[in-house]
C-alpha atoms as a PDB file:
ATOM      1  CA  UNK A   1      76.277 218.571  -0.805  1.00  0.00           C
ATOM      2  CA  UNK A   2      72.573 218.371  -0.207  1.00  0.00           C
ATOM      3  CA  UNK A   3      73.024 215.865   2.617  1.00  0.00           C
ATOM      4  CA  UNK A   4      75.698 218.071   4.235  1.00  0.00           C
ATOM      5  CA  UNK A   5      73.591 221.206   4.277  1.00  0.00           C
ATOM      6  CA  UNK A   6      70.523 219.404   5.572  1.00  0.00           C
ATOM      7  CA  UNK A   7      72.601 218.866   8.767  1.00  0.00           C
ATOM      8  CA  UNK A   8      73.358 222.526   9.389  1.00  0.00           C
ATOM      9  CA  UNK A   9      71.936 223.917  12.748  1.00  0.00           C
ATOM     10  CA  UNK A  10      73.257 227.379  13.574  1.00  0.00           C
ATOM     11  CA  UNK A  11      73.971 228.427   9.858  1.00  0.00           C
ATOM     12  CA  UNK A  12      70.675 226.884   8.716  1.00  0.00           C
ATOM     13  CA  UNK A  13      68.583 230.009   7.803  1.00  0.00           C
ATOM     14  CA  UNK A  14      70.435 231.284   4.852  1.00  0.00           C
ATOM     15  CA  UNK A  15      67.395 231.509   2.680  1.00  0.00           C
ATOM     16  CA  UNK A  16      66.268 228.932   0.202  1.00  0.00           C
ATOM     17  CA  UNK A  17      67.221 231.284  -2.752  1.00  0.00           C
ATOM     18  CA  UNK A  18      70.965 231.551  -1.656  1.00  0.00           C
ATOM     19  CA  UNK A  19      73.606 230.219  -4.056  1.00  0.00           C
ATOM     20  CA  UNK A  20      74.520 227.411  -1.514  1.00  0.00           C
ATOM     21  CA  UNK A  21      71.127 226.055  -1.238  1.00  0.00           C
ATOM     22  CA  UNK A  22      70.470 226.226  -4.971  1.00  0.00           C
ATOM     23  CA  UNK A  23      73.692 224.415  -5.753  1.00  0.00           C
ATOM     24  CA  UNK A  24      72.798 221.786  -3.193  1.00  0.00           C
ATOM     25  CA  UNK A  25      69.532 221.171  -4.906  1.00  0.00           C
ATOM     26  CA  UNK A  26      71.254 220.878  -8.280  1.00  0.00           C
ATOM     27  CA  UNK A  27      73.709 218.441  -6.745  1.00  0.00           C
ATOM     28  CA  UNK A  28      70.864 216.384  -5.342  1.00  0.00           C
ATOM     29  CA  UNK A  29      69.106 216.149  -8.604  1.00  0.00           C
ATOM     30  CA  UNK A  30      72.434 215.377 -10.367  1.00  0.00           C
ATOM     31  CA  UNK A  31      73.105 212.534  -7.930  1.00  0.00           C
ATOM     32  CA  UNK A  32      69.570 211.121  -8.268  1.00  0.00           C
ATOM     33  CA  UNK A  33      70.059 210.820 -11.989  1.00  0.00           C
ATOM     34  CA  UNK A  34      66.668 212.573 -12.457  1.00  0.00           C
ATOM     35  CA  UNK A  35      67.448 215.627 -14.533  1.00  0.00           C
ATOM     36  CA  UNK A  36      67.534 217.055 -18.037  1.00  0.00           C
ATOM     37  CA  UNK A  37      71.245 217.760 -18.761  1.00  0.00           C
ATOM     38  CA  UNK A  38      70.660 221.183 -20.601  1.00  0.00           C
ATOM     39  CA  UNK A  39      68.307 222.408 -17.751  1.00  0.00           C
ATOM     40  CA  UNK A  40      70.829 221.454 -15.022  1.00  0.00           C
ATOM     41  CA  UNK A  41      73.673 223.126 -16.882  1.00  0.00           C
ATOM     42  CA  UNK A  42      71.590 226.291 -17.337  1.00  0.00           C
ATOM     43  CA  UNK A  43      70.838 226.355 -13.646  1.00  0.00           C
ATOM     44  CA  UNK A  44      74.494 225.813 -12.766  1.00  0.00           C
ATOM     45  CA  UNK A  45      75.486 228.810 -15.048  1.00  0.00           C
ATOM     46  CA  UNK A  46      72.838 230.961 -13.347  1.00  0.00           C
ATOM     47  CA  UNK A  47      74.525 230.293  -9.899  1.00  0.00           C
ATOM     48  CA  UNK A  48      77.911 230.847 -11.275  1.00  0.00           C
ATOM     49  CA  UNK A  49      76.751 234.048 -12.643  1.00  0.00           C
ATOM     50  CA  UNK A  50      75.371 235.081  -9.153  1.00  0.00           C
ATOM     51  CA  UNK A  51      78.570 233.996  -7.576  1.00  0.00           C
ATOM     52  CA  UNK A  52      80.597 236.231  -9.980  1.00  0.00           C
ATOM     53  CA  UNK A  53      78.336 239.159  -9.180  1.00  0.00           C
ATOM     54  CA  UNK A  54      79.056 238.691  -5.439  1.00  0.00           C
ATOM     55  CA  UNK A  55      82.727 238.185  -6.222  1.00  0.00           C
ATOM     56  CA  UNK A  56      82.886 241.473  -8.242  1.00  0.00           C
ATOM     57  CA  UNK A  57      80.987 243.446  -5.595  1.00  0.00           C
ATOM     58  CA  UNK A  58      83.455 242.284  -2.955  1.00  0.00           C
ATOM     59  CA  UNK A  59      86.667 241.926  -4.972  1.00  0.00           C
ATOM     60  CA  UNK A  60      87.059 238.238  -4.348  1.00  0.00           C
ATOM     61  CA  UNK A  61      90.085 236.432  -5.999  1.00  0.00           C
ATOM     62  CA  UNK A  62      91.693 233.092  -6.312  1.00  0.00           C
ATOM     63  CA  UNK A  63      89.230 230.473  -4.842  1.00  0.00           C
ATOM     64  CA  UNK A  64      85.821 231.993  -5.299  1.00  0.00           C
ATOM     65  CA  UNK A  65      84.004 228.948  -3.773  1.00  0.00           C
ATOM     66  CA  UNK A  66      85.993 229.288  -0.538  1.00  0.00           C
ATOM     67  CA  UNK A  67      85.610 233.114  -0.474  1.00  0.00           C
ATOM     68  CA  UNK A  68      81.725 232.597  -0.898  1.00  0.00           C
ATOM     69  CA  UNK A  69      81.524 230.109   1.952  1.00  0.00           C
ATOM     70  CA  UNK A  70      83.650 232.508   4.109  1.00  0.00           C
ATOM     71  CA  UNK A  71      81.373 235.401   3.146  1.00  0.00           C
ATOM     72  CA  UNK A  72      78.342 233.305   4.283  1.00  0.00           C
ATOM     73  CA  UNK A  73      80.100 232.697   7.669  1.00  0.00           C
ATOM     74  CA  UNK A  74      81.094 236.284   8.037  1.00  0.00           C
ATOM     75  CA  UNK A  75      77.632 237.693   7.012  1.00  0.00           C
ATOM     76  CA  UNK A  76      75.204 235.396   8.835  1.00  0.00           C
ATOM     77  CA  UNK A  77      73.747 237.051  11.977  1.00  0.00           C
ATOM     78  CA  UNK A  78      72.127 234.736  14.598  1.00  0.00           C
ATOM     79  CA  UNK A  79      72.381 234.526  18.281  1.00  0.00           C
ATOM     80  CA  UNK A  80      75.627 232.455  18.199  1.00  0.00           C
ATOM     81  CA  UNK A  81      77.503 234.883  15.789  1.00  0.00           C
ATOM     82  CA  UNK A  82      76.196 238.025  17.570  1.00  0.00           C
ATOM     83  CA  UNK A  83      77.332 236.729  21.055  1.00  0.00           C
ATOM     84  CA  UNK A  84      80.661 235.739  19.541  1.00  0.00           C
ATOM     85  CA  UNK A  85      80.961 239.264  18.096  1.00  0.00           C
ATOM     86  CA  UNK A  86      80.756 240.708  21.555  1.00  0.00           C
ATOM     87  CA  UNK A  87      82.750 238.207  23.634  1.00  0.00           C
ATOM     88  CA  UNK A  88      84.522 235.845  21.144  1.00  0.00           C
ATOM     89  CA  UNK A  89      84.693 232.190  22.132  1.00  0.00           C
ATOM     90  CA  UNK A  90      82.489 231.544  25.140  1.00  0.00           C
ATOM     91  CA  UNK A  91      81.602 228.331  27.073  1.00  0.00           C
ATOM     92  CA  UNK A  92      78.030 226.721  26.273  1.00  0.00           C
ATOM     93  CA  UNK A  93      76.427 223.726  24.783  1.00  0.00           C
ATOM     94  CA  UNK A  94      75.691 225.768  21.641  1.00  0.00           C
ATOM     95  CA  UNK A  95      79.355 225.225  20.838  1.00  0.00           C
ATOM     96  CA  UNK A  96      78.724 221.625  20.100  1.00  0.00           C
ATOM     97  CA  UNK A  97      76.339 222.695  17.303  1.00  0.00           C
ATOM     98  CA  UNK A  98      78.703 225.315  16.126  1.00  0.00           C
ATOM     99  CA  UNK A  99      81.563 222.860  15.816  1.00  0.00           C
ATOM    100  CA  UNK A 100      79.174 220.490  13.950  1.00  0.00           C
ATOM    101  CA  UNK A 101      78.297 223.244  11.530  1.00  0.00           C
ATOM    102  CA  UNK A 102      81.960 224.058  11.098  1.00  0.00           C
ATOM    103  CA  UNK A 103      82.696 220.425  10.272  1.00  0.00           C
ATOM    104  CA  UNK A 104      80.117 220.614   7.499  1.00  0.00           C
ATOM    105  CA  UNK A 105      81.619 223.861   6.214  1.00  0.00           C
ATOM    106  CA  UNK A 106      85.041 222.190   6.046  1.00  0.00           C
ATOM    107  CA  UNK A 107      83.588 219.430   3.948  1.00  0.00           C
ATOM    108  CA  UNK A 108      81.816 222.073   1.732  1.00  0.00           C
ATOM    109  CA  UNK A 109      85.289 223.689   1.427  1.00  0.00           C
ATOM    110  CA  UNK A 110      86.688 220.500   0.024  1.00  0.00           C
ATOM    111  CA  UNK A 111      83.608 219.641  -2.094  1.00  0.00           C
ATOM    112  CA  UNK A 112      84.573 217.881  -5.347  1.00  0.00           C
ATOM    113  CA  UNK A 113      82.635 219.154  -8.295  1.00  0.00           C
ATOM    114  CA  UNK A 114      84.580 217.100 -10.887  1.00  0.00           C
ATOM    115  CA  UNK A 115      82.025 214.293 -11.196  1.00  0.00           C
ATOM    116  CA  UNK A 116      79.350 216.797 -12.021  1.00  0.00           C
ATOM    117  CA  UNK A 117      81.533 218.647 -14.416  1.00  0.00           C
ATOM    118  CA  UNK A 118      82.634 215.629 -16.278  1.00  0.00           C
ATOM    119  CA  UNK A 119      79.098 214.246 -16.695  1.00  0.00           C
ATOM    120  CA  UNK A 120      77.656 217.547 -17.790  1.00  0.00           C
ATOM    121  CA  UNK A 121      80.687 218.541 -19.968  1.00  0.00           C
ATOM    122  CA  UNK A 122      81.266 221.838 -18.226  1.00  0.00           C
ATOM    123  CA  UNK A 123      84.313 223.415 -16.495  1.00  0.00           C
ATOM    124  CA  UNK A 124      82.879 226.393 -14.648  1.00  0.00           C
ATOM    125  CA  UNK A 125      83.623 225.019 -11.215  1.00  0.00           C
ATOM    126  CA  UNK A 126      87.301 224.397 -11.971  1.00  0.00           C
ATOM    127  CA  UNK A 127      87.462 227.941 -13.221  1.00  0.00           C
ATOM    128  CA  UNK A 128      86.095 229.580 -10.029  1.00  0.00           C
ATOM    129  CA  UNK A 129      88.391 227.461  -7.912  1.00  0.00           C
ATOM    130  CA  UNK A 130      91.383 229.053  -9.648  1.00  0.00           C
ATOM    131  CA  UNK A 131      90.097 232.499 -10.464  1.00  0.00           C
ATOM    132  CA  UNK A 132      92.200 235.535 -11.344  1.00  0.00           C
ATOM    133  CA  UNK A 133      90.077 238.678 -10.958  1.00  0.00           C
ATOM    134  CA  UNK A 134      90.516 241.515 -13.275  1.00  0.00           C
ATOM    135  CA  UNK A 135      92.055 244.631 -11.515  1.00  0.00           C
ATOM    136  CA  UNK A 136      89.455 247.133 -10.484  1.00  0.00           C
ATOM    137  CA  UNK A 137      89.241 250.377  -8.776  1.00  0.00           C
ATOM    138  CA  UNK A 138      88.449 250.332  -4.922  1.00  0.00           C
ATOM    139  CA  UNK A 139      85.428 252.404  -5.674  1.00  0.00           C
ATOM    140  CA  UNK A 140      83.865 249.404  -7.486  1.00  0.00           C
ATOM    141  CA  UNK A 141      84.067 246.944  -4.614  1.00  0.00           C
ATOM    142  CA  UNK A 142      84.103 247.014  -0.758  1.00  0.00           C
ATOM    143  CA  UNK A 143      87.800 246.652  -0.095  1.00  0.00           C
ATOM    144  CA  UNK A 144      87.424 246.562   3.682  1.00  0.00           C
ATOM    145  CA  UNK A 145      84.849 243.587   3.695  1.00  0.00           C
ATOM    146  CA  UNK A 146      86.815 241.919   0.798  1.00  0.00           C
ATOM    147  CA  UNK A 147      90.083 241.918   2.742  1.00  0.00           C
ATOM    148  CA  UNK A 148      88.389 240.467   5.898  1.00  0.00           C
ATOM    149  CA  UNK A 149      86.475 237.849   4.107  1.00  0.00           C
ATOM    150  CA  UNK A 150      89.470 236.638   2.123  1.00  0.00           C
ATOM    151  CA  UNK A 151      91.562 236.592   5.344  1.00  0.00           C
ATOM    152  CA  UNK A 152      88.879 234.390   6.817  1.00  0.00           C
ATOM    153  CA  UNK A 153      88.823 232.087   3.740  1.00  0.00           C
ATOM    154  CA  UNK A 154      92.465 231.541   3.879  1.00  0.00           C
ATOM    155  CA  UNK A 155      92.518 230.863   7.575  1.00  0.00           C
ATOM    156  CA  UNK A 156      89.744 228.303   7.187  1.00  0.00           C
ATOM    157  CA  UNK A 157      91.793 226.694   4.344  1.00  0.00           C
ATOM    158  CA  UNK A 158      94.605 226.119   6.854  1.00  0.00           C
ATOM    159  CA  UNK A 159      92.378 224.893   9.763  1.00  0.00           C
ATOM    160  CA  UNK A 160      93.277 221.386  10.824  1.00  0.00           C
ATOM    161  CA  UNK A 161      89.703 220.520  12.031  1.00  0.00           C
ATOM    162  CA  UNK A 162      86.439 221.986  13.149  1.00  0.00           C
ATOM    163  CA  UNK A 163      87.804 222.840  16.581  1.00  0.00           C
ATOM    164  CA  UNK A 164      90.449 225.053  15.058  1.00  0.00           C
ATOM    165  CA  UNK A 165      87.881 226.439  12.674  1.00  0.00           C
ATOM    166  CA  UNK A 166      85.660 227.320  15.699  1.00  0.00           C
ATOM    167  CA  UNK A 167      88.543 229.257  17.163  1.00  0.00           C
ATOM    168  CA  UNK A 168      89.355 231.032  13.861  1.00  0.00           C
ATOM    169  CA  UNK A 169      85.705 232.009  13.280  1.00  0.00           C
ATOM    170  CA  UNK A 170      84.905 233.206  16.882  1.00  0.00           C
ATOM    171  CA  UNK A 171      88.142 235.193  16.828  1.00  0.00           C
ATOM    172  CA  UNK A 172      87.150 236.768  13.508  1.00  0.00           C
ATOM    173  CA  UNK A 173      83.661 237.781  14.839  1.00  0.00           C
ATOM    174  CA  UNK A 174      85.249 239.294  17.998  1.00  0.00           C
ATOM    175  CA  UNK A 175      87.842 241.240  16.018  1.00  0.00           C
ATOM    176  CA  UNK A 176      85.780 242.364  13.001  1.00  0.00           C
ATOM    177  CA  UNK A 177      82.129 241.850  13.865  1.00  0.00           C
ATOM    178  CA  UNK A 178      79.434 239.982  11.900  1.00  0.00           C
ATOM    179  CA  UNK A 179      76.996 240.929   9.176  1.00  0.00           C
ATOM    180  CA  UNK A 180      77.030 243.922   6.807  1.00  0.00           C
ATOM    181  CA  UNK A 181      76.993 246.585   9.557  1.00  0.00           C
ATOM    182  CA  UNK A 182      79.648 244.673  11.735  1.00  0.00           C
ATOM    183  CA  UNK A 183      82.125 244.243   8.850  1.00  0.00           C
ATOM    184  CA  UNK A 184      81.928 247.687   7.449  1.00  0.00           C
ATOM    185  CA  UNK A 185      84.342 249.888   9.446  1.00  0.00           C
ATOM    186  CA  UNK A 186      82.250 252.994   8.512  1.00  0.00           C
ATOM    187  CA  UNK A 187      79.624 251.529  11.090  1.00  0.00           C
ATOM    188  CA  UNK A 188      82.147 250.680  13.834  1.00  0.00           C
ATOM    189  CA  UNK A 189      83.358 253.036  16.649  1.00  0.00           C
ATOM    190  CA  UNK A 190      86.983 252.639  17.379  1.00  0.00           C
ATOM    191  CA  UNK A 191      88.756 253.480  20.706  1.00  0.00           C
ATOM    192  CA  UNK A 192      90.026 256.922  20.835  1.00  0.00           C
ATOM    193  CA  UNK A 193      87.980 258.285  17.886  1.00  0.00           C
ATOM    194  CA  UNK A 194      86.589 261.749  18.350  1.00  0.00           C
ATOM    195  CA  UNK A 195      83.169 262.903  17.389  1.00  0.00           C
ATOM    196  CA  UNK A 196      81.535 259.545  17.765  1.00  0.00           C
ATOM    197  CA  UNK A 197      79.782 257.859  14.757  1.00  0.00           C
ATOM    198  CA  UNK A 198      77.144 255.397  13.769  1.00  0.00           C
END
């Protein structure tokens, strides 16, 4: 996982404290064999806890790992995503970097945690890949963002390659926007709405 993430270009600035980067560092230490089992297990559970918090806030269900990766793609604001939000897919050399990043995300979608689980005698990754969320009131989570991110997650699951994923993601940005303001319909102005809005 660490080797994959180190090659990201457009989606690189996610913050070193994000779940993805921290799991990548855990994975790197696991692969190196230089770790204390109990410490690594504790760190994994801390990241699973953070993932569950995000999943509860956004009402994610089924494959929480896929939902989380789709959430990153949906929420990351950078020049590529902001331009795609306005015009959708567009010609330019930057698309080569975008397709490269999407190829990495496809591999992350299919990342196999089973070796780590077996060695550390845990099953938390298997659980989050087949998660059944507790029913909750819409006041508890952001239903609008939840539906959009899960739609993106399922579309990426069906994508044949990074070229198709590029089209799926740029269409998503153009249709729904990007980032917390773009994805929240309260902050979007629709055609024909009276009275304006923010």
